[in-house]
PDB file of N, CA and C in Angstrom:
ATOM      1  N   MET A   1      12.625  10.888  -5.541  1.00  0.00           N
ATOM      2  CA  MET A   1      12.511  10.194  -6.790  1.00  0.00           C
ATOM      3  C   MET A   1      11.067  10.209  -7.301  1.00  0.00           C
ATOM      4  N   LEU A   2      10.085   9.998  -6.438  1.00  0.00           N
ATOM      5  CA  LEU A   2       8.696  10.034  -6.884  1.00  0.00           C
ATOM      6  C   LEU A   2       8.320  11.406  -7.418  1.00  0.00           C
ATOM      7  N   GLY A   3       8.919  12.443  -6.843  1.00  0.00           N
ATOM      8  CA  GLY A   3       8.655  13.794  -7.315  1.00  0.00           C
ATOM      9  C   GLY A   3       9.014  13.992  -8.780  1.00  0.00           C
ATOM     10  N   GLU A   4       9.948  13.201  -9.269  1.00  0.00           N
ATOM     11  CA  GLU A   4      10.374  13.315 -10.660  1.00  0.00           C
ATOM     12  C   GLU A   4       9.327  12.822 -11.648  1.00  0.00           C
ATOM     13  N   ILE A   5       8.394  11.989 -11.200  1.00  0.00           N
ATOM     14  CA  ILE A   5       7.391  11.447 -12.126  1.00  0.00           C
ATOM     15  C   ILE A   5       5.979  11.970 -11.866  1.00  0.00           C
ATOM     16  N   GLU A   6       5.796  12.779 -10.844  1.00  0.00           N
ATOM     17  CA  GLU A   6       4.457  13.260 -10.501  1.00  0.00           C
ATOM     18  C   GLU A   6       3.786  13.996 -11.642  1.00  0.00           C
ATOM     19  N   ALA A   7       4.549  14.685 -12.468  1.00  0.00           N
ATOM     20  CA  ALA A   7       3.970  15.439 -13.581  1.00  0.00           C
ATOM     21  C   ALA A   7       3.289  14.532 -14.599  1.00  0.00           C
ATOM     22  N   GLU A   8       3.614  13.237 -14.575  1.00  0.00           N
ATOM     23  CA  GLU A   8       3.019  12.298 -15.516  1.00  0.00           C
ATOM     24  C   GLU A   8       1.730  11.671 -14.982  1.00  0.00           C
ATOM     25  N   ALA A   9       1.317  12.030 -13.789  1.00  0.00           N
ATOM     26  CA  ALA A   9       0.088  11.507 -13.192  1.00  0.00           C
ATOM     27  C   ALA A   9      -1.108  12.016 -13.991  1.00  0.00           C
ATOM     28  N   PRO A  10      -2.224  11.342 -13.917  1.00  0.00           N
ATOM     29  CA  PRO A  10      -2.539  10.206 -13.056  1.00  0.00           C
ATOM     30  C   PRO A  10      -2.043   8.886 -13.631  1.00  0.00           C
ATOM     31  N   PHE A  11      -1.706   7.986 -12.732  1.00  0.00           N
ATOM     32  CA  PHE A  11      -1.184   6.679 -13.100  1.00  0.00           C
ATOM     33  C   PHE A  11      -2.286   5.632 -13.034  1.00  0.00           C
ATOM     34  N   ASP A  12      -2.097   4.559 -13.781  1.00  0.00           N
ATOM     35  CA  ASP A  12      -3.029   3.434 -13.767  1.00  0.00           C
ATOM     36  C   ASP A  12      -2.658   2.409 -12.705  1.00  0.00           C
ATOM     37  N   LEU A  13      -1.352   2.303 -12.377  1.00  0.00           N
ATOM     38  CA  LEU A  13      -0.869   1.287 -11.461  1.00  0.00           C
ATOM     39  C   LEU A  13       0.307   1.825 -10.662  1.00  0.00           C
ATOM     40  N   VAL A  14       0.293   1.549  -9.371  1.00  0.00           N
ATOM     41  CA  VAL A  14       1.438   1.825  -8.503  1.00  0.00           C
ATOM     42  C   VAL A  14       1.786   0.510  -7.810  1.00  0.00           C
ATOM     43  N   PHE A  15       3.049   0.101  -7.946  1.00  0.00           N
ATOM     44  CA  PHE A  15       3.530  -1.125  -7.306  1.00  0.00           C
ATOM     45  C   PHE A  15       4.479  -0.732  -6.186  1.00  0.00           C
ATOM     46  N   ILE A  16       4.173  -1.188  -4.975  1.00  0.00           N
ATOM     47  CA  ILE A  16       4.985  -0.857  -3.802  1.00  0.00           C
ATOM     48  C   ILE A  16       5.743  -2.105  -3.362  1.00  0.00           C
ATOM     49  N   ASP A  17       7.055  -1.996  -3.335  1.00  0.00           N
ATOM     50  CA  ASP A  17       7.922  -3.062  -2.836  1.00  0.00           C
ATOM     51  C   ASP A  17       9.203  -2.377  -2.382  1.00  0.00           C
ATOM     52  N   ALA A  18       9.162  -1.814  -1.214  1.00  0.00           N
ATOM     53  CA  ALA A  18      10.275  -0.994  -0.718  1.00  0.00           C
ATOM     54  C   ALA A  18      10.413  -1.221   0.783  1.00  0.00           C
ATOM     55  N   ASP A  19      11.088  -0.292   1.452  1.00  0.00           N
ATOM     56  CA  ASP A  19      11.222  -0.419   2.903  1.00  0.00           C
ATOM     57  C   ASP A  19       9.830  -0.340   3.527  1.00  0.00           C
ATOM     58  N   LYS A  20       9.562  -1.251   4.420  1.00  0.00           N
ATOM     59  CA  LYS A  20       8.213  -1.407   4.971  1.00  0.00           C
ATOM     60  C   LYS A  20       7.779  -0.199   5.798  1.00  0.00           C
ATOM     61  N   VAL A  21       8.695   0.484   6.410  1.00  0.00           N
ATOM     62  CA  VAL A  21       8.365   1.673   7.212  1.00  0.00           C
ATOM     63  C   VAL A  21       7.701   2.738   6.350  1.00  0.00           C
ATOM     64  N   SER A  22       8.032   2.780   5.078  1.00  0.00           N
ATOM     65  CA  SER A  22       7.508   3.813   4.180  1.00  0.00           C
ATOM     66  C   SER A  22       6.205   3.434   3.479  1.00  0.00           C
ATOM     67  N   TYR A  23       5.694   2.226   3.696  1.00  0.00           N
ATOM     68  CA  TYR A  23       4.476   1.800   3.003  1.00  0.00           C
ATOM     69  C   TYR A  23       3.299   2.759   3.204  1.00  0.00           C
ATOM     70  N   PRO A  24       3.014   3.242   4.413  1.00  0.00           N
ATOM     71  CA  PRO A  24       1.893   4.179   4.556  1.00  0.00           C
ATOM     72  C   PRO A  24       2.090   5.446   3.719  1.00  0.00           C
ATOM     73  N   GLY A  25       3.290   5.942   3.658  1.00  0.00           N
ATOM     74  CA  GLY A  25       3.572   7.127   2.846  1.00  0.00           C
ATOM     75  C   GLY A  25       3.415   6.863   1.362  1.00  0.00           C
ATOM     76  N   TYR A  26       3.851   5.690   0.920  1.00  0.00           N
ATOM     77  CA  TYR A  26       3.688   5.336  -0.487  1.00  0.00           C
ATOM     78  C   TYR A  26       2.213   5.172  -0.841  1.00  0.00           C
ATOM     79  N   LEU A  27       1.418   4.644   0.084  1.00  0.00           N
ATOM     80  CA  LEU A  27      -0.016   4.525  -0.174  1.00  0.00           C
ATOM     81  C   LEU A  27      -0.653   5.903  -0.279  1.00  0.00           C
ATOM     82  N   ALA A  28      -0.263   6.821   0.580  1.00  0.00           N
ATOM     83  CA  ALA A  28      -0.790   8.190   0.498  1.00  0.00           C
ATOM     84  C   ALA A  28      -0.402   8.829  -0.836  1.00  0.00           C
ATOM     85  N   TRP A  29       0.838   8.601  -1.267  1.00  0.00           N
ATOM     86  CA  TRP A  29       1.287   9.136  -2.555  1.00  0.00           C
ATOM     87  C   TRP A  29       0.447   8.548  -3.682  1.00  0.00           C
ATOM     88  N   ALA A  30       0.229   7.243  -3.630  1.00  0.00           N
ATOM     89  CA  ALA A  30      -0.569   6.572  -4.659  1.00  0.00           C
ATOM     90  C   ALA A  30      -1.985   7.125  -4.689  1.00  0.00           C
ATOM     91  N   ALA A  31      -2.573   7.361  -3.539  1.00  0.00           N
ATOM     92  CA  ALA A  31      -3.935   7.891  -3.478  1.00  0.00           C
ATOM     93  C   ALA A  31      -4.030   9.246  -4.169  1.00  0.00           C
ATOM     94  N   GLU A  32      -2.975  10.020  -4.092  1.00  0.00           N
ATOM     95  CA  GLU A  32      -2.971  11.345  -4.719  1.00  0.00           C
ATOM     96  C   GLU A  32      -2.678  11.294  -6.216  1.00  0.00           C
ATOM     97  N   HIS A  33      -2.001  10.251  -6.678  1.00  0.00           N
ATOM     98  CA  HIS A  33      -1.511  10.258  -8.050  1.00  0.00           C
ATOM     99  C   HIS A  33      -2.084   9.172  -8.956  1.00  0.00           C
ATOM    100  N   LEU A  34      -2.977   8.352  -8.425  1.00  0.00           N
ATOM    101  CA  LEU A  34      -3.673   7.364  -9.243  1.00  0.00           C
ATOM    102  C   LEU A  34      -4.959   7.958  -9.795  1.00  0.00           C
ATOM    103  N   ARG A  35      -5.357   7.502 -10.950  1.00  0.00           N
ATOM    104  CA  ARG A  35      -6.666   7.872 -11.478  1.00  0.00           C
ATOM    105  C   ARG A  35      -7.722   7.051 -10.743  1.00  0.00           C
ATOM    106  N   GLU A  36      -8.969   7.476 -10.780  1.00  0.00           N
ATOM    107  CA  GLU A  36     -10.041   6.630 -10.249  1.00  0.00           C
ATOM    108  C   GLU A  36     -10.047   5.341 -11.045  1.00  0.00           C
ATOM    109  N   GLY A  37     -10.148   4.224 -10.365  1.00  0.00           N
ATOM    110  CA  GLY A  37     -10.079   2.925 -11.007  1.00  0.00           C
ATOM    111  C   GLY A  37      -8.656   2.392 -11.124  1.00  0.00           C
ATOM    112  N   GLY A  38      -7.668   3.221 -10.755  1.00  0.00           N
ATOM    113  CA  GLY A  38      -6.276   2.793 -10.761  1.00  0.00           C
ATOM    114  C   GLY A  38      -6.021   1.793  -9.641  1.00  0.00           C
ATOM    115  N   VAL A  39      -4.941   1.043  -9.765  1.00  0.00           N
ATOM    116  CA  VAL A  39      -4.656  -0.069  -8.856  1.00  0.00           C
ATOM    117  C   VAL A  39      -3.335   0.145  -8.119  1.00  0.00           C
ATOM    118  N   VAL A  40      -3.359  -0.182  -6.827  1.00  0.00           N
ATOM    119  CA  VAL A  40      -2.136  -0.257  -6.026  1.00  0.00           C
ATOM    120  C   VAL A  40      -1.890  -1.728  -5.724  1.00  0.00           C
ATOM    121  N   LEU A  41      -0.662  -2.175  -5.945  1.00  0.00           N
ATOM    122  CA  LEU A  41      -0.220  -3.502  -5.537  1.00  0.00           C
ATOM    123  C   LEU A  41       0.932  -3.304  -4.563  1.00  0.00           C
ATOM    124  N   ALA A  42       0.887  -4.001  -3.442  1.00  0.00           N
ATOM    125  CA  ALA A  42       1.952  -3.879  -2.442  1.00  0.00           C
ATOM    126  C   ALA A  42       2.434  -5.266  -2.045  1.00  0.00           C
ATOM    127  N   ASP A  43       3.702  -5.517  -2.268  1.00  0.00           N
ATOM    128  CA  ASP A  43       4.299  -6.811  -1.954  1.00  0.00           C
ATOM    129  C   ASP A  43       4.655  -6.893  -0.469  1.00  0.00           C
ATOM    130  N   ASN A  44       4.765  -8.096   0.027  1.00  0.00           N
ATOM    131  CA  ASN A  44       5.160  -8.380   1.419  1.00  0.00           C
ATOM    132  C   ASN A  44       4.176  -7.838   2.453  1.00  0.00           C
ATOM    133  N   ALA A  45       2.913  -7.782   2.093  1.00  0.00           N
ATOM    134  CA  ALA A  45       1.903  -7.205   2.976  1.00  0.00           C
ATOM    135  C   ALA A  45       1.637  -8.046   4.225  1.00  0.00           C
ATOM    136  N   PHE A  46       2.067  -9.301   4.236  1.00  0.00           N
ATOM    137  CA  PHE A  46       1.914 -10.126   5.429  1.00  0.00           C
ATOM    138  C   PHE A  46       3.065  -9.931   6.410  1.00  0.00           C
ATOM    139  N   GLY A  47       3.977  -9.045   6.086  1.00  0.00           N
ATOM    140  CA  GLY A  47       5.081  -8.759   6.999  1.00  0.00           C
ATOM    141  C   GLY A  47       5.922  -9.973   7.306  1.00  0.00           C
ATOM    142  N   PHE A  48       6.212 -10.763   6.267  1.00  0.00           N
ATOM    143  CA  PHE A  48       7.038 -11.956   6.425  1.00  0.00           C
ATOM    144  C   PHE A  48       6.455 -12.902   7.479  1.00  0.00           C
ATOM    145  N   GLY A  49       5.118 -12.971   7.501  1.00  0.00           N
ATOM    146  CA  GLY A  49       4.421 -13.858   8.419  1.00  0.00           C
ATOM    147  C   GLY A  49       4.310 -13.345   9.839  1.00  0.00           C
ATOM    148  N   GLU A  50       4.669 -12.089  10.067  1.00  0.00           N
ATOM    149  CA  GLU A  50       4.707 -11.553  11.432  1.00  0.00           C
ATOM    150  C   GLU A  50       3.683 -10.441  11.688  1.00  0.00           C
ATOM    151  N   ILE A  51       2.930 -10.018  10.697  1.00  0.00           N
ATOM    152  CA  ILE A  51       2.054  -8.852  10.865  1.00  0.00           C
ATOM    153  C   ILE A  51       0.983  -9.072  11.931  1.00  0.00           C
ATOM    154  N   HIS A  52       0.577 -10.300  12.135  1.00  0.00           N
ATOM    155  CA  HIS A  52      -0.486 -10.595  13.108  1.00  0.00           C
ATOM    156  C   HIS A  52       0.007 -10.552  14.555  1.00  0.00           C
ATOM    157  N   ARG A  53       1.307 -10.582  14.742  1.00  0.00           N
ATOM    158  CA  ARG A  53       1.848 -10.588  16.103  1.00  0.00           C
ATOM    159  C   ARG A  53       1.867  -9.176  16.674  1.00  0.00           C
ATOM    160  N   PRO A  54       1.440  -9.011  17.918  1.00  0.00           N
ATOM    161  CA  PRO A  54       1.487  -7.680  18.533  1.00  0.00           C
ATOM    162  C   PRO A  54       2.931  -7.218  18.717  1.00  0.00           C
ATOM    163  N   GLY A  55       3.083  -5.926  18.792  1.00  0.00           N
ATOM    164  CA  GLY A  55       4.424  -5.369  18.993  1.00  0.00           C
ATOM    165  C   GLY A  55       5.250  -5.479  17.743  1.00  0.00           C
ATOM    166  N   GLY A  56       6.538  -5.639  17.932  1.00  0.00           N
ATOM    167  CA  GLY A  56       7.434  -5.786  16.802  1.00  0.00           C
ATOM    168  C   GLY A  56       8.170  -4.513  16.464  1.00  0.00           C
ATOM    169  N   ASP A  57       8.847  -4.544  15.356  1.00  0.00           N
ATOM    170  CA  ASP A  57       9.661  -3.403  14.952  1.00  0.00           C
ATOM    171  C   ASP A  57       8.842  -2.361  14.199  1.00  0.00           C
ATOM    172  N   GLU A  58       9.514  -1.309  13.770  1.00  0.00           N
ATOM    173  CA  GLU A  58       8.852  -0.221  13.046  1.00  0.00           C
ATOM    174  C   GLU A  58       8.210  -0.706  11.757  1.00  0.00           C
ATOM    175  N   GLY A  59       8.876  -1.633  11.088  1.00  0.00           N
ATOM    176  CA  GLY A  59       8.347  -2.145   9.829  1.00  0.00           C
ATOM    177  C   GLY A  59       7.021  -2.845  10.008  1.00  0.00           C
ATOM    178  N   ARG A  60       6.911  -3.667  11.034  1.00  0.00           N
ATOM    179  CA  ARG A  60       5.655  -4.371  11.291  1.00  0.00           C
ATOM    180  C   ARG A  60       4.550  -3.391  11.660  1.00  0.00           C
ATOM    181  N   ALA A  61       4.862  -2.408  12.471  1.00  0.00           N
ATOM    182  CA  ALA A  61       3.866  -1.391  12.836  1.00  0.00           C
ATOM    183  C   ALA A  61       3.418  -0.602  11.606  1.00  0.00           C
ATOM    184  N   ALA A  62       4.351  -0.277  10.718  1.00  0.00           N
ATOM    185  CA  ALA A  62       4.010   0.467   9.505  1.00  0.00           C
ATOM    186  C   ALA A  62       3.131  -0.370   8.580  1.00  0.00           C
ATOM    187  N   LEU A  63       3.415  -1.667   8.476  1.00  0.00           N
ATOM    188  CA  LEU A  63       2.574  -2.534   7.649  1.00  0.00           C
ATOM    189  C   LEU A  63       1.170  -2.641   8.216  1.00  0.00           C
ATOM    190  N   ARG A  64       1.059  -2.693   9.555  1.00  0.00           N
ATOM    191  CA  ARG A  64      -0.283  -2.704  10.167  1.00  0.00           C
ATOM    192  C   ARG A  64      -1.030  -1.423   9.832  1.00  0.00           C
ATOM    193  N   LYS A  65      -0.353  -0.289   9.961  1.00  0.00           N
ATOM    194  CA  LYS A  65      -0.970   1.002   9.625  1.00  0.00           C
ATOM    195  C   LYS A  65      -1.380   1.024   8.156  1.00  0.00           C
ATOM    196  N   PHE A  66      -0.514   0.534   7.305  1.00  0.00           N
ATOM    197  CA  PHE A  66      -0.786   0.471   5.870  1.00  0.00           C
ATOM    198  C   PHE A  66      -2.050  -0.340   5.595  1.00  0.00           C
ATOM    199  N   THR A  67      -2.147  -1.539   6.162  1.00  0.00           N
ATOM    200  CA  THR A  67      -3.289  -2.405   5.865  1.00  0.00           C
ATOM    201  C   THR A  67      -4.588  -1.885   6.471  1.00  0.00           C
ATOM    202  N   THR A  68      -4.529  -1.244   7.620  1.00  0.00           N
ATOM    203  CA  THR A  68      -5.766  -0.722   8.209  1.00  0.00           C
ATOM    204  C   THR A  68      -6.197   0.594   7.569  1.00  0.00           C
ATOM    205  N   SER A  69      -5.271   1.321   6.962  1.00  0.00           N
ATOM    206  CA  SER A  69      -5.641   2.604   6.366  1.00  0.00           C
ATOM    207  C   SER A  69      -6.494   2.436   5.114  1.00  0.00           C
ATOM    208  N   TRP A  70      -6.398   1.308   4.435  1.00  0.00           N
ATOM    209  CA  TRP A  70      -7.270   1.073   3.274  1.00  0.00           C
ATOM    210  C   TRP A  70      -8.726   1.257   3.683  1.00  0.00           C
ATOM    211  N   ARG A  71      -9.080   0.587   4.781  1.00  0.00           N
ATOM    212  CA  ARG A  71     -10.461   0.597   5.252  1.00  0.00           C
ATOM    213  C   ARG A  71     -10.834   1.942   5.861  1.00  0.00           C
ATOM    214  N   ALA A  72      -9.962   2.479   6.667  1.00  0.00           N
ATOM    215  CA  ALA A  72     -10.276   3.699   7.418  1.00  0.00           C
ATOM    216  C   ALA A  72     -10.473   4.908   6.512  1.00  0.00           C
ATOM    217  N   GLU A  73      -9.701   5.016   5.472  1.00  0.00           N
ATOM    218  CA  GLU A  73      -9.771   6.203   4.631  1.00  0.00           C
ATOM    219  C   GLU A  73     -10.863   6.119   3.571  1.00  0.00           C
ATOM    220  N   GLY A  74     -11.274   4.925   3.199  1.00  0.00           N
ATOM    221  CA  GLY A  74     -12.366   4.754   2.247  1.00  0.00           C
ATOM    222  C   GLY A  74     -12.056   5.170   0.819  1.00  0.00           C
ATOM    223  N   ARG A  75     -10.784   5.380   0.505  1.00  0.00           N
ATOM    224  CA  ARG A  75     -10.433   5.790  -0.858  1.00  0.00           C
ATOM    225  C   ARG A  75     -10.190   4.604  -1.777  1.00  0.00           C
ATOM    226  N   PHE A  76     -10.064   3.418  -1.187  1.00  0.00           N
ATOM    227  CA  PHE A  76      -9.763   2.216  -1.966  1.00  0.00           C
ATOM    228  C   PHE A  76     -10.703   1.088  -1.595  1.00  0.00           C
ATOM    229  N   ARG A  77     -10.959   0.214  -2.528  1.00  0.00           N
ATOM    230  CA  ARG A  77     -11.556  -1.088  -2.267  1.00  0.00           C
ATOM    231  C   ARG A  77     -10.383  -2.048  -2.331  1.00  0.00           C
ATOM    232  N   ALA A  78     -10.106  -2.745  -1.249  1.00  0.00           N
ATOM    233  CA  ALA A  78      -8.857  -3.504  -1.169  1.00  0.00           C
ATOM    234  C   ALA A  78      -9.078  -4.930  -0.707  1.00  0.00           C
ATOM    235  N   THR A  79      -8.095  -5.752  -1.030  1.00  0.00           N
ATOM    236  CA  THR A  79      -8.077  -7.143  -0.596  1.00  0.00           C
ATOM    237  C   THR A  79      -6.626  -7.593  -0.471  1.00  0.00           C
ATOM    238  N   MET A  80      -6.449  -8.722   0.166  1.00  0.00           N
ATOM    239  CA  MET A  80      -5.131  -9.339   0.283  1.00  0.00           C
ATOM    240  C   MET A  80      -5.149 -10.619  -0.534  1.00  0.00           C
ATOM    241  N   LEU A  81      -4.141 -10.795  -1.347  1.00  0.00           N
ATOM    242  CA  LEU A  81      -4.001 -12.021  -2.115  1.00  0.00           C
ATOM    243  C   LEU A  81      -3.004 -12.914  -1.386  1.00  0.00           C
ATOM    244  N   PRO A  82      -3.366 -14.170  -1.147  1.00  0.00           N
ATOM    245  CA  PRO A  82      -2.535 -15.044  -0.307  1.00  0.00           C
ATOM    246  C   PRO A  82      -1.331 -15.642  -1.038  1.00  0.00           C
ATOM    247  N   THR A  83      -0.418 -14.783  -1.435  1.00  0.00           N
ATOM    248  CA  THR A  83       0.850 -15.264  -1.952  1.00  0.00           C
ATOM    249  C   THR A  83       1.724 -15.610  -0.750  1.00  0.00           C
ATOM    250  N   ALA A  84       2.917 -16.079  -0.984  1.00  0.00           N
ATOM    251  CA  ALA A  84       3.796 -16.482   0.119  1.00  0.00           C
ATOM    252  C   ALA A  84       4.008 -15.348   1.129  1.00  0.00           C
ATOM    253  N   GLU A  85       4.201 -14.146   0.651  1.00  0.00           N
ATOM    254  CA  GLU A  85       4.437 -13.001   1.545  1.00  0.00           C
ATOM    255  C   GLU A  85       3.261 -12.041   1.601  1.00  0.00           C
ATOM    256  N   GLY A  86       2.208 -12.324   0.870  1.00  0.00           N
ATOM    257  CA  GLY A  86       1.030 -11.464   0.859  1.00  0.00           C
ATOM    258  C   GLY A  86       1.169 -10.354  -0.157  1.00  0.00           C
ATOM    259  N   LEU A  87       0.150 -10.195  -0.972  1.00  0.00           N
ATOM    260  CA  LEU A  87       0.106  -9.122  -1.949  1.00  0.00           C
ATOM    261  C   LEU A  87      -1.182  -8.349  -1.701  1.00  0.00           C
ATOM    262  N   ALA A  88      -1.040  -7.101  -1.312  1.00  0.00           N
ATOM    263  CA  ALA A  88      -2.214  -6.249  -1.110  1.00  0.00           C
ATOM    264  C   ALA A  88      -2.576  -5.624  -2.443  1.00  0.00           C
ATOM    265  N   MET A  89      -3.865  -5.571  -2.727  1.00  0.00           N
ATOM    266  CA  MET A  89      -4.335  -4.965  -3.955  1.00  0.00           C
ATOM    267  C   MET A  89      -5.506  -4.045  -3.638  1.00  0.00           C
ATOM    268  N   GLY A  90      -5.435  -2.831  -4.124  1.00  0.00           N
ATOM    269  CA  GLY A  90      -6.520  -1.881  -3.913  1.00  0.00           C
ATOM    270  C   GLY A  90      -6.848  -1.138  -5.186  1.00  0.00           C
ATOM    271  N   VAL A  91      -8.138  -0.890  -5.394  1.00  0.00           N
ATOM    272  CA  VAL A  91      -8.609  -0.104  -6.529  1.00  0.00           C
ATOM    273  C   VAL A  91      -9.085   1.229  -5.972  1.00  0.00           C
ATOM    274  N   LYS A  92      -8.605   2.320  -6.558  1.00  0.00           N
ATOM    275  CA  LYS A  92      -8.972   3.649  -6.076  1.00  0.00           C
ATOM    276  C   LYS A  92     -10.421   3.957  -6.446  1.00  0.00           C
ATOM    277  N   LEU A  93     -11.210   4.303  -5.444  1.00  0.00           N
ATOM    278  CA  LEU A  93     -12.612   4.612  -5.638  1.00  0.00           C
ATOM    279  C   LEU A  93     -12.853   6.090  -5.895  1.00  0.00           C
ATOM    280  N   ARG A  94     -12.119   6.910  -5.183  1.00  0.00           N
ATOM    281  CA  ARG A  94     -12.302   8.374  -5.325  1.00  0.00           C
ATOM    282  C   ARG A  94     -11.004   9.072  -5.061  1.00  0.00           C
TER     283      ARG A  94
END
């Protein structure tokens, strides 16, 4: 489905609210298709209050990878907004 809209890139905003296992992939897609200064918003970034717990299911592990990749890759300036489930927000730097 994302392939159907890639021709319209670069985008100003990408909102992620899907299966948690796919969050790292959606972030990689956003990094490729956002303009510099574009924004990524990702809902449920706190993993339903479980992201801080070690172990867990694939979804929790994927959310951990998602949140740590912001810093590791250096393509975004990111923060977490303390909504009930957590809202991650990143601005594409390069």
